[in-house]
Amino acid sequence: MLSLGKTGKQPQGLKQMNEVTANSQLLRVEQLSSCDLREEARGIEDSEMWKTDEYNSEQIEILWLPSTQRAGIAWGADADWTDAISPEDALRRFFANDLSN
């Protein structure tokens, strides 16, 4: 499960993120439904793959690469990529509309 701290008042996006990540699960490569993330994850030993609860009837998938501090986030379409120090950071950036390329 992704662990997210809840401190003080949060913007709406972060509130949604905390609700979505309550039951997140770690996946194996073959469990990813996003073709973009699945292809990128193949052969990378230190990758982490996560799937969240449904958010607006879709599940959010995250591929985090600790060695490069990058993450791919897929939500019903092609993956978006961002710098991220953790899967939680990637999801925070997604909900805050703060993805860096």
Protein backbone atom coordinates (compact mmCIF):
# COMPACT_ATOMS: atom_id res chain seq x y z
CA MET A 1 0.00 0.00 0.00
CA LEU A 2 1.27 3.50 -0.78
CA SER A 3 1.66 5.39 2.44
CA LEU A 4 0.78 9.07 2.40
CA GLY A 5 0.99 11.48 5.29
CA LYS A 6 -2.01 13.70 5.98
CA THR A 7 -1.00 16.97 7.58
CA GLY A 8 -2.95 20.22 7.62
CA LYS A 9 -5.36 21.41 4.95
CA GLN A 10 -4.67 19.97 1.52
CA PRO A 11 -5.67 21.10 -1.96
CA GLN A 12 -8.54 19.13 -3.50
CA GLY A 13 -6.16 17.10 -5.68
CA LEU A 14 -4.17 15.88 -2.68
CA LYS A 15 -7.37 14.99 -0.82
CA GLN A 16 -8.40 12.89 -3.83
CA MET A 17 -4.94 11.31 -3.90
CA ASN A 18 -5.21 10.23 -0.26
CA GLU A 19 -8.62 8.69 -0.91
CA VAL A 20 -7.39 6.89 -4.04
CA THR A 21 -4.23 5.44 -2.45
CA ALA A 22 -5.91 3.95 0.60
CA ASN A 23 -5.92 0.46 -0.98
CA SER A 24 -3.10 0.68 -3.53
CA GLN A 25 -1.35 -2.55 -4.42
CA LEU A 26 2.10 -3.52 -5.66
CA LEU A 27 2.02 -5.34 -9.02
CA ARG A 28 4.14 -7.57 -11.23
CA VAL A 29 4.96 -6.38 -14.76
CA GLU A 30 2.43 -8.69 -16.40
CA GLN A 31 -0.35 -7.27 -14.21
CA LEU A 32 -0.01 -3.76 -15.64
CA SER A 33 -2.82 -2.96 -18.04
CA SER A 34 -1.00 0.05 -19.53
CA CYS A 35 1.00 -1.07 -22.56
CA ASP A 36 3.30 1.96 -22.21
CA LEU A 37 4.21 1.11 -18.63
CA ARG A 38 4.46 -2.63 -19.24
CA GLU A 39 6.91 -2.15 -22.13
CA GLU A 40 9.02 0.34 -20.17
CA ALA A 41 9.16 -1.94 -17.10
CA ARG A 42 10.46 -5.02 -18.92
CA GLY A 43 14.07 -5.70 -18.06
CA ILE A 44 14.34 -3.01 -15.37
CA GLU A 45 15.10 -4.79 -12.13
CA ASP A 46 14.53 -1.97 -9.66
CA SER A 47 11.12 -0.84 -10.92
CA GLU A 48 8.04 -0.68 -8.72
CA MET A 49 4.58 -1.02 -10.24
CA TRP A 50 1.48 0.16 -8.40
CA LYS A 51 -2.23 0.21 -9.09
CA THR A 52 -4.62 2.39 -7.09
CA ASP A 53 -8.28 2.02 -6.28
CA GLU A 54 -10.63 3.26 -8.96
CA TYR A 55 -10.67 7.02 -9.49
CA ASN A 56 -13.50 8.28 -11.73
CA SER A 57 -14.13 4.65 -12.81
CA GLU A 58 -10.50 4.05 -13.90
CA GLN A 59 -7.51 2.74 -11.96
CA ILE A 60 -4.30 4.74 -11.91
CA GLU A 61 -1.13 2.76 -12.58
CA ILE A 62 2.32 3.96 -11.59
CA LEU A 63 5.69 2.65 -12.74
CA TRP A 64 8.42 4.10 -10.54
CA LEU A 65 12.12 3.76 -11.43
CA PRO A 66 14.20 4.46 -8.30
CA SER A 67 17.53 4.41 -10.15
CA THR A 68 16.50 7.35 -12.35
CA GLN A 69 13.94 8.94 -9.99
CA ARG A 70 11.32 8.90 -12.79
CA ALA A 71 7.75 7.65 -12.84
CA GLY A 72 5.18 6.86 -15.48
CA ILE A 73 1.52 7.36 -14.60
CA ALA A 74 -1.27 5.87 -16.68
CA TRP A 75 -4.93 6.69 -16.15
CA GLY A 76 -7.11 5.36 -18.93
CA ALA A 77 -4.74 6.44 -21.72
CA ASP A 78 -1.07 6.76 -22.59
CA ALA A 79 1.36 7.16 -19.72
CA ASP A 80 2.61 10.57 -18.60
CA TRP A 81 6.15 10.79 -17.22
CA THR A 82 7.56 12.92 -14.44
CA ASP A 83 10.51 13.26 -12.09
CA ALA A 84 9.55 11.64 -8.79
CA ILE A 85 11.40 10.67 -5.65
CA SER A 86 8.77 8.02 -4.85
CA PRO A 87 5.52 6.56 -6.16
CA GLU A 88 3.69 8.83 -3.72
CA ASP A 89 5.49 11.86 -5.16
CA ALA A 90 4.47 10.81 -8.68
CA LEU A 91 0.83 10.50 -7.65
CA ARG A 92 0.98 13.83 -5.80
CA ARG A 93 2.34 15.48 -8.95
CA PHE A 94 -0.42 13.84 -11.04
CA PHE A 95 -3.20 15.20 -8.83
CA ALA A 96 -1.54 18.61 -8.47
CA ASN A 97 -1.17 18.81 -12.28
CA ASP A 98 2.57 19.28 -11.73
CA LEU A 99 4.13 16.66 -14.01
CA SER A 100 7.68 17.46 -15.14
CA ASN A 101 9.13 15.98 -18.31
